[in-house]
Amino acid sequence: MKMTTEVRAFLAEPRIARLASVDEDGTPHVVPLWFDVDGDALIAISGRRTRKVRNVSANARGAVQVGGDPALQDGAGYLFQGTIAVEEDADHAWLGRMVRRYETAEDAARLMDEWKDDDTVVLRLRVERLVKVW
């Protein structure tokens, strides 16, 4: 399944995603997070020293699931599988974009001020497989 107009419209809404990575002992590690789309990739922001960043730095295979809960919104959902790269977030450009996507203008400005010195990175999932889950 490709990133169709339907999938892109679904992803345009600020939903919560779940990132799945693999711990060093092989245990799945799944966390909720904000996301955005950049071309055919899914983007998330994280503190550099988090477990998810350590996990994808050691094993780039991962997945992001968005939606799929029939009790919420429209029940639709997708699973995106592929490789995840850790990239620098120069000048907090992606952090700012993400905060503005999920927060009001006032809250976004406050959060950006609070997080201006945080060491954040971009997690870029290059989608290799896309599955509709609901």
N, C-alpha and C. Protein backbone atom coordinates (compact mmCIF):
# COMPACT_ATOMS: atom_id res chain seq x y z
N MET A 1 0.85 -1.18 0.00
CA MET A 1 0.00 0.00 0.00
C MET A 1 0.89 1.24 0.00
N LYS A 2 0.56 2.19 -0.84
CA LYS A 2 1.34 3.42 -0.94
C LYS A 2 0.66 4.54 -0.17
N MET A 3 1.39 5.64 -0.01
CA MET A 3 0.84 6.83 0.64
C MET A 3 -0.13 7.49 -0.33
N THR A 4 -1.35 7.05 -0.30
CA THR A 4 -2.39 7.57 -1.18
C THR A 4 -2.92 8.91 -0.65
N THR A 5 -3.76 9.53 -1.43
CA THR A 5 -4.41 10.77 -0.99
C THR A 5 -5.20 10.51 0.29
N GLU A 6 -5.85 9.35 0.37
CA GLU A 6 -6.62 8.98 1.57
C GLU A 6 -5.72 8.89 2.80
N VAL A 7 -4.58 8.24 2.66
CA VAL A 7 -3.64 8.10 3.78
C VAL A 7 -3.10 9.46 4.18
N ARG A 8 -2.72 10.26 3.20
CA ARG A 8 -2.18 11.59 3.50
C ARG A 8 -3.22 12.48 4.20
N ALA A 9 -4.47 12.40 3.79
CA ALA A 9 -5.53 13.17 4.45
C ALA A 9 -5.70 12.70 5.89
N PHE A 10 -5.64 11.40 6.11
CA PHE A 10 -5.73 10.84 7.46
C PHE A 10 -4.58 11.35 8.33
N LEU A 11 -3.37 11.35 7.78
CA LEU A 11 -2.19 11.78 8.53
C LEU A 11 -2.13 13.29 8.73
N ALA A 12 -2.90 14.04 7.97
CA ALA A 12 -2.90 15.50 8.11
C ALA A 12 -3.51 15.94 9.43
N GLU A 13 -4.33 15.08 10.03
CA GLU A 13 -4.92 15.40 11.33
C GLU A 13 -3.89 15.13 12.44
N PRO A 14 -3.87 15.98 13.47
CA PRO A 14 -2.89 15.79 14.55
C PRO A 14 -3.28 14.66 15.51
N ARG A 15 -3.09 13.47 15.08
CA ARG A 15 -3.39 12.28 15.89
C ARG A 15 -2.14 11.88 16.67
N ILE A 16 -2.32 11.03 17.66
CA ILE A 16 -1.19 10.50 18.40
C ILE A 16 -0.75 9.20 17.73
N ALA A 17 0.55 9.09 17.51
CA ALA A 17 1.13 7.88 16.92
C ALA A 17 1.76 7.04 18.02
N ARG A 18 2.07 5.81 17.68
CA ARG A 18 2.81 4.93 18.60
C ARG A 18 4.02 4.42 17.84
N LEU A 19 5.19 4.70 18.40
CA LEU A 19 6.45 4.27 17.80
C LEU A 19 6.90 2.98 18.45
N ALA A 20 7.18 1.98 17.63
CA ALA A 20 7.70 0.70 18.13
C ALA A 20 9.16 0.56 17.71
N SER A 21 10.02 0.38 18.71
CA SER A 21 11.43 0.10 18.47
C SER A 21 11.76 -1.16 19.27
N VAL A 22 13.00 -1.61 19.16
CA VAL A 22 13.40 -2.85 19.81
C VAL A 22 14.53 -2.57 20.79
N ASP A 23 14.31 -2.96 22.07
CA ASP A 23 15.36 -2.82 23.09
C ASP A 23 16.53 -3.74 22.78
N GLU A 24 17.63 -3.52 23.47
CA GLU A 24 18.84 -4.32 23.22
C GLU A 24 18.64 -5.80 23.50
N ASP A 25 17.67 -6.15 24.35
CA ASP A 25 17.42 -7.58 24.62
C ASP A 25 16.34 -8.16 23.72
N GLY A 26 15.88 -7.37 22.73
CA GLY A 26 14.88 -7.85 21.77
C GLY A 26 13.44 -7.56 22.16
N THR A 27 13.23 -6.92 23.29
CA THR A 27 11.88 -6.61 23.75
C THR A 27 11.34 -5.40 23.00
N PRO A 28 10.10 -5.48 22.52
CA PRO A 28 9.51 -4.30 21.87
C PRO A 28 9.35 -3.16 22.87
N HIS A 29 9.56 -1.96 22.40
CA HIS A 29 9.40 -0.74 23.20
C HIS A 29 8.45 0.15 22.40
N VAL A 30 7.25 0.41 22.94
CA VAL A 30 6.24 1.18 22.22
C VAL A 30 5.88 2.40 23.05
N VAL A 31 5.94 3.57 22.39
CA VAL A 31 5.65 4.82 23.08
C VAL A 31 4.76 5.71 22.22
N PRO A 32 3.85 6.47 22.86
CA PRO A 32 3.03 7.42 22.12
C PRO A 32 3.85 8.68 21.83
N LEU A 33 3.56 9.31 20.70
CA LEU A 33 4.26 10.56 20.37
C LEU A 33 3.54 11.34 19.30
N TRP A 34 3.93 12.60 19.20
CA TRP A 34 3.46 13.44 18.11
C TRP A 34 4.23 13.07 16.85
N PHE A 35 3.63 13.31 15.69
CA PHE A 35 4.30 13.02 14.42
C PHE A 35 3.88 14.04 13.38
N ASP A 36 4.61 14.04 12.29
CA ASP A 36 4.25 14.83 11.12
C ASP A 36 4.74 14.06 9.90
N VAL A 37 4.42 14.55 8.73
CA VAL A 37 4.79 13.89 7.48
C VAL A 37 5.74 14.79 6.71
N ASP A 38 6.77 14.19 6.14
CA ASP A 38 7.72 14.90 5.28
C ASP A 38 7.92 14.06 4.04
N GLY A 39 7.22 14.42 2.96
CA GLY A 39 7.26 13.59 1.75
C GLY A 39 6.60 12.25 2.02
N ASP A 40 7.35 11.17 1.86
CA ASP A 40 6.84 9.83 2.16
C ASP A 40 7.35 9.29 3.49
N ALA A 41 7.93 10.15 4.31
CA ALA A 41 8.47 9.73 5.61
C ALA A 41 7.60 10.28 6.74
N LEU A 42 7.60 9.56 7.85
CA LEU A 42 6.97 10.05 9.07
C LEU A 42 8.06 10.60 9.97
N ILE A 43 7.78 11.73 10.60
CA ILE A 43 8.75 12.43 11.43
C ILE A 43 8.23 12.50 12.86
N ALA A 44 9.12 12.26 13.81
CA ALA A 44 8.83 12.46 15.23
C ALA A 44 10.02 13.20 15.83
N ILE A 45 9.81 13.80 16.98
CA ILE A 45 10.86 14.52 17.69
C ILE A 45 11.06 13.83 19.03
N SER A 46 12.31 13.80 19.47
CA SER A 46 12.61 13.17 20.75
C SER A 46 13.82 13.82 21.38
N GLY A 47 13.90 13.70 22.69
CA GLY A 47 15.15 14.06 23.37
C GLY A 47 16.22 13.08 22.94
N ARG A 48 17.42 13.56 22.77
CA ARG A 48 18.52 12.72 22.28
C ARG A 48 18.81 11.53 23.19
N ARG A 49 18.60 11.67 24.49
CA ARG A 49 19.02 10.63 25.43
C ARG A 49 17.89 9.68 25.85
N THR A 50 16.86 9.57 25.04
CA THR A 50 15.74 8.69 25.38
C THR A 50 16.00 7.26 24.91
N ARG A 51 15.25 6.35 25.49
CA ARG A 51 15.37 4.94 25.12
C ARG A 51 15.06 4.72 23.64
N LYS A 52 14.03 5.39 23.13
CA LYS A 52 13.67 5.17 21.72
C LYS A 52 14.81 5.57 20.79
N VAL A 53 15.52 6.65 21.12
CA VAL A 53 16.65 7.06 20.29
C VAL A 53 17.79 6.05 20.41
N ARG A 54 18.07 5.58 21.61
CA ARG A 54 19.10 4.53 21.78
C ARG A 54 18.72 3.29 20.99
N ASN A 55 17.45 2.92 21.05
CA ASN A 55 17.00 1.71 20.35
C ASN A 55 17.18 1.83 18.84
N VAL A 56 16.70 2.91 18.24
CA VAL A 56 16.79 3.02 16.79
C VAL A 56 18.21 3.29 16.31
N SER A 57 19.05 3.82 17.20
CA SER A 57 20.46 3.99 16.85
C SER A 57 21.16 2.64 16.75
N ALA A 58 20.72 1.69 17.57
CA ALA A 58 21.32 0.35 17.57
C ALA A 58 20.66 -0.57 16.54
N ASN A 59 19.37 -0.38 16.29
CA ASN A 59 18.61 -1.22 15.36
C ASN A 59 17.57 -0.32 14.69
N ALA A 60 17.82 0.03 13.46
CA ALA A 60 16.99 1.02 12.76
C ALA A 60 15.62 0.50 12.36
N ARG A 61 15.37 -0.79 12.46
CA ARG A 61 14.06 -1.33 12.09
C ARG A 61 13.02 -0.90 13.12
N GLY A 62 11.87 -0.44 12.64
CA GLY A 62 10.83 -0.01 13.56
C GLY A 62 9.51 0.19 12.84
N ALA A 63 8.54 0.66 13.61
CA ALA A 63 7.20 0.88 13.05
C ALA A 63 6.52 2.02 13.78
N VAL A 64 5.58 2.64 13.07
CA VAL A 64 4.73 3.66 13.66
C VAL A 64 3.30 3.29 13.32
N GLN A 65 2.45 3.26 14.33
CA GLN A 65 1.04 2.98 14.13
C GLN A 65 0.27 4.25 14.47
N VAL A 66 -0.65 4.63 13.59
CA VAL A 66 -1.47 5.82 13.79
C VAL A 66 -2.92 5.41 13.65
N GLY A 67 -3.74 5.78 14.65
CA GLY A 67 -5.16 5.44 14.62
C GLY A 67 -5.38 3.97 14.91
N GLY A 68 -6.50 3.46 14.42
CA GLY A 68 -6.82 2.05 14.58
C GLY A 68 -7.62 1.72 15.82
N ASP A 69 -8.11 2.72 16.54
CA ASP A 69 -8.92 2.49 17.72
C ASP A 69 -10.37 2.79 17.37
N PRO A 70 -11.22 1.76 17.27
CA PRO A 70 -12.60 2.00 16.84
C PRO A 70 -13.40 2.89 17.80
N ALA A 71 -12.92 3.05 19.04
CA ALA A 71 -13.63 3.89 20.00
C ALA A 71 -13.31 5.38 19.81
N LEU A 72 -12.26 5.68 19.05
CA LEU A 72 -11.84 7.07 18.86
C LEU A 72 -11.98 7.49 17.41
N GLN A 73 -12.29 8.73 17.20
CA GLN A 73 -12.39 9.34 15.88
C GLN A 73 -13.16 8.43 14.92
N ASP A 74 -12.58 8.11 13.78
CA ASP A 74 -13.30 7.32 12.78
C ASP A 74 -12.94 5.84 12.80
N GLY A 75 -12.02 5.44 13.68
CA GLY A 75 -11.64 4.03 13.78
C GLY A 75 -10.60 3.60 12.77
N ALA A 76 -10.31 4.43 11.78
CA ALA A 76 -9.31 4.07 10.78
C ALA A 76 -7.92 4.06 11.40
N GLY A 77 -7.01 3.34 10.78
CA GLY A 77 -5.64 3.32 11.27
C GLY A 77 -4.70 2.69 10.28
N TYR A 78 -3.43 3.00 10.45
CA TYR A 78 -2.40 2.49 9.56
C TYR A 78 -1.16 2.12 10.36
N LEU A 79 -0.46 1.10 9.87
CA LEU A 79 0.82 0.69 10.42
C LEU A 79 1.87 0.96 9.36
N PHE A 80 2.89 1.72 9.73
CA PHE A 80 3.98 2.08 8.83
C PHE A 80 5.24 1.38 9.33
N GLN A 81 5.84 0.54 8.51
CA GLN A 81 7.04 -0.19 8.90
C GLN A 81 8.21 0.25 8.03
N GLY A 82 9.40 0.23 8.59
CA GLY A 82 10.58 0.59 7.81
C GLY A 82 11.79 0.81 8.67
N THR A 83 12.66 1.69 8.20
CA THR A 83 13.87 2.01 8.95
C THR A 83 13.76 3.43 9.48
N ILE A 84 14.34 3.63 10.66
CA ILE A 84 14.26 4.92 11.33
C ILE A 84 15.67 5.49 11.45
N ALA A 85 15.83 6.70 10.96
CA ALA A 85 17.11 7.40 11.07
C ALA A 85 17.00 8.48 12.13
N VAL A 86 18.08 8.68 12.86
CA VAL A 86 18.16 9.77 13.83
C VAL A 86 18.90 10.91 13.15
N GLU A 87 18.26 12.08 13.11
CA GLU A 87 18.83 13.26 12.44
C GLU A 87 18.84 14.44 13.40
N GLU A 88 19.71 15.37 13.14
CA GLU A 88 19.76 16.59 13.94
C GLU A 88 18.53 17.45 13.65
N ASP A 89 18.09 18.20 14.63
CA ASP A 89 16.98 19.15 14.45
C ASP A 89 17.56 20.56 14.54
N ALA A 90 18.22 20.97 13.47
CA ALA A 90 18.89 22.27 13.43
C ALA A 90 17.91 23.38 13.78
N ASP A 91 18.29 24.20 14.73
CA ASP A 91 17.48 25.35 15.15
C ASP A 91 16.08 24.96 15.61
N HIS A 92 15.89 23.72 16.01
CA HIS A 92 14.58 23.24 16.49
C HIS A 92 13.47 23.45 15.45
N ALA A 93 13.83 23.37 14.19
CA ALA A 93 12.84 23.59 13.13
C ALA A 93 11.71 22.57 13.19
N TRP A 94 12.05 21.29 13.31
CA TRP A 94 11.00 20.28 13.38
C TRP A 94 10.25 20.34 14.70
N LEU A 95 10.95 20.61 15.78
CA LEU A 95 10.28 20.75 17.06
C LEU A 95 9.22 21.84 16.98
N GLY A 96 9.58 23.00 16.41
CA GLY A 96 8.63 24.10 16.27
C GLY A 96 7.43 23.72 15.41
N ARG A 97 7.71 23.06 14.31
CA ARG A 97 6.62 22.63 13.41
C ARG A 97 5.67 21.67 14.14
N MET A 98 6.26 20.74 14.89
CA MET A 98 5.46 19.74 15.61
C MET A 98 4.60 20.40 16.70
N VAL A 99 5.21 21.29 17.47
CA VAL A 99 4.47 21.95 18.55
C VAL A 99 3.32 22.76 17.99
N ARG A 100 3.56 23.46 16.89
CA ARG A 100 2.48 24.26 16.28
C ARG A 100 1.39 23.37 15.69
N ARG A 101 1.74 22.16 15.31
CA ARG A 101 0.74 21.22 14.76
C ARG A 101 -0.23 20.75 15.84
N TYR A 102 0.27 20.57 17.06
CA TYR A 102 -0.53 19.97 18.12
C TYR A 102 -1.06 20.96 19.17
N GLU A 103 -0.49 22.14 19.24
CA GLU A 103 -0.87 23.08 20.30
C GLU A 103 -1.43 24.38 19.72
N THR A 104 -2.13 25.11 20.55
CA THR A 104 -2.59 26.44 20.16
C THR A 104 -1.36 27.33 19.98
N ALA A 105 -1.52 28.46 19.31
CA ALA A 105 -0.40 29.37 19.09
C ALA A 105 0.21 29.82 20.42
N GLU A 106 -0.63 30.14 21.38
CA GLU A 106 -0.15 30.60 22.69
C GLU A 106 0.64 29.50 23.40
N ASP A 107 0.09 28.29 23.44
CA ASP A 107 0.79 27.19 24.10
C ASP A 107 2.06 26.80 23.35
N ALA A 108 2.02 26.86 22.03
CA ALA A 108 3.20 26.53 21.23
C ALA A 108 4.34 27.50 21.54
N ALA A 109 4.03 28.79 21.64
CA ALA A 109 5.06 29.78 21.95
C ALA A 109 5.65 29.52 23.34
N ARG A 110 4.80 29.21 24.29
CA ARG A 110 5.27 28.93 25.65
C ARG A 110 6.15 27.69 25.69
N LEU A 111 5.71 26.63 25.02
CA LEU A 111 6.49 25.39 25.00
C LEU A 111 7.82 25.57 24.28
N MET A 112 7.83 26.28 23.18
CA MET A 112 9.07 26.51 22.46
C MET A 112 10.06 27.29 23.33
N ASP A 113 9.56 28.22 24.13
CA ASP A 113 10.43 28.94 25.05
C ASP A 113 10.97 28.00 26.12
N GLU A 114 10.11 27.13 26.66
CA GLU A 114 10.54 26.17 27.68
C GLU A 114 11.56 25.17 27.13
N TRP A 115 11.39 24.78 25.88
CA TRP A 115 12.22 23.72 25.29
C TRP A 115 13.38 24.25 24.45
N LYS A 116 13.61 25.55 24.44
CA LYS A 116 14.60 26.16 23.54
C LYS A 116 16.02 25.61 23.73
N ASP A 117 16.35 25.14 24.92
CA ASP A 117 17.69 24.61 25.17
C ASP A 117 17.74 23.09 25.19
N ASP A 118 16.62 22.43 24.92
CA ASP A 118 16.59 20.96 24.93
C ASP A 118 17.38 20.40 23.76
N ASP A 119 17.99 19.26 23.99
CA ASP A 119 18.77 18.57 22.96
C ASP A 119 17.85 17.59 22.24
N THR A 120 17.18 18.06 21.19
CA THR A 120 16.22 17.23 20.48
C THR A 120 16.79 16.74 19.15
N VAL A 121 16.27 15.61 18.72
CA VAL A 121 16.62 15.03 17.43
C VAL A 121 15.34 14.67 16.69
N VAL A 122 15.50 14.46 15.40
CA VAL A 122 14.40 14.02 14.54
C VAL A 122 14.51 12.51 14.35
N LEU A 123 13.40 11.83 14.47
CA LEU A 123 13.31 10.41 14.11
C LEU A 123 12.55 10.36 12.79
N ARG A 124 13.20 9.89 11.74
CA ARG A 124 12.60 9.86 10.40
C ARG A 124 12.38 8.40 10.00
N LEU A 125 11.11 8.00 9.93
CA LEU A 125 10.76 6.66 9.49
C LEU A 125 10.61 6.67 7.97
N ARG A 126 11.47 5.95 7.30
CA ARG A 126 11.35 5.76 5.84
C ARG A 126 10.45 4.56 5.64
N VAL A 127 9.26 4.82 5.18
CA VAL A 127 8.23 3.79 5.09
C VAL A 127 8.56 2.80 3.97
N GLU A 128 8.63 1.52 4.35
CA GLU A 128 8.85 0.45 3.39
C GLU A 128 7.60 -0.40 3.20
N ARG A 129 6.76 -0.39 4.20
CA ARG A 129 5.52 -1.18 4.15
C ARG A 129 4.43 -0.42 4.89
N LEU A 130 3.25 -0.37 4.31
CA LEU A 130 2.11 0.33 4.87
C LEU A 130 0.93 -0.61 4.89
N VAL A 131 0.31 -0.77 6.06
CA VAL A 131 -0.81 -1.70 6.22
C VAL A 131 -1.98 -0.95 6.87
N LYS A 132 -3.15 -1.08 6.28
CA LYS A 132 -4.36 -0.51 6.91
C LYS A 132 -4.75 -1.47 8.03
N VAL A 133 -4.93 -0.91 9.25
CA VAL A 133 -5.19 -1.78 10.40
C VAL A 133 -6.63 -1.73 10.88
N TRP A 134 -7.46 -0.91 10.28
CA TRP A 134 -8.87 -0.92 10.68
C TRP A 134 -9.74 -0.50 9.54
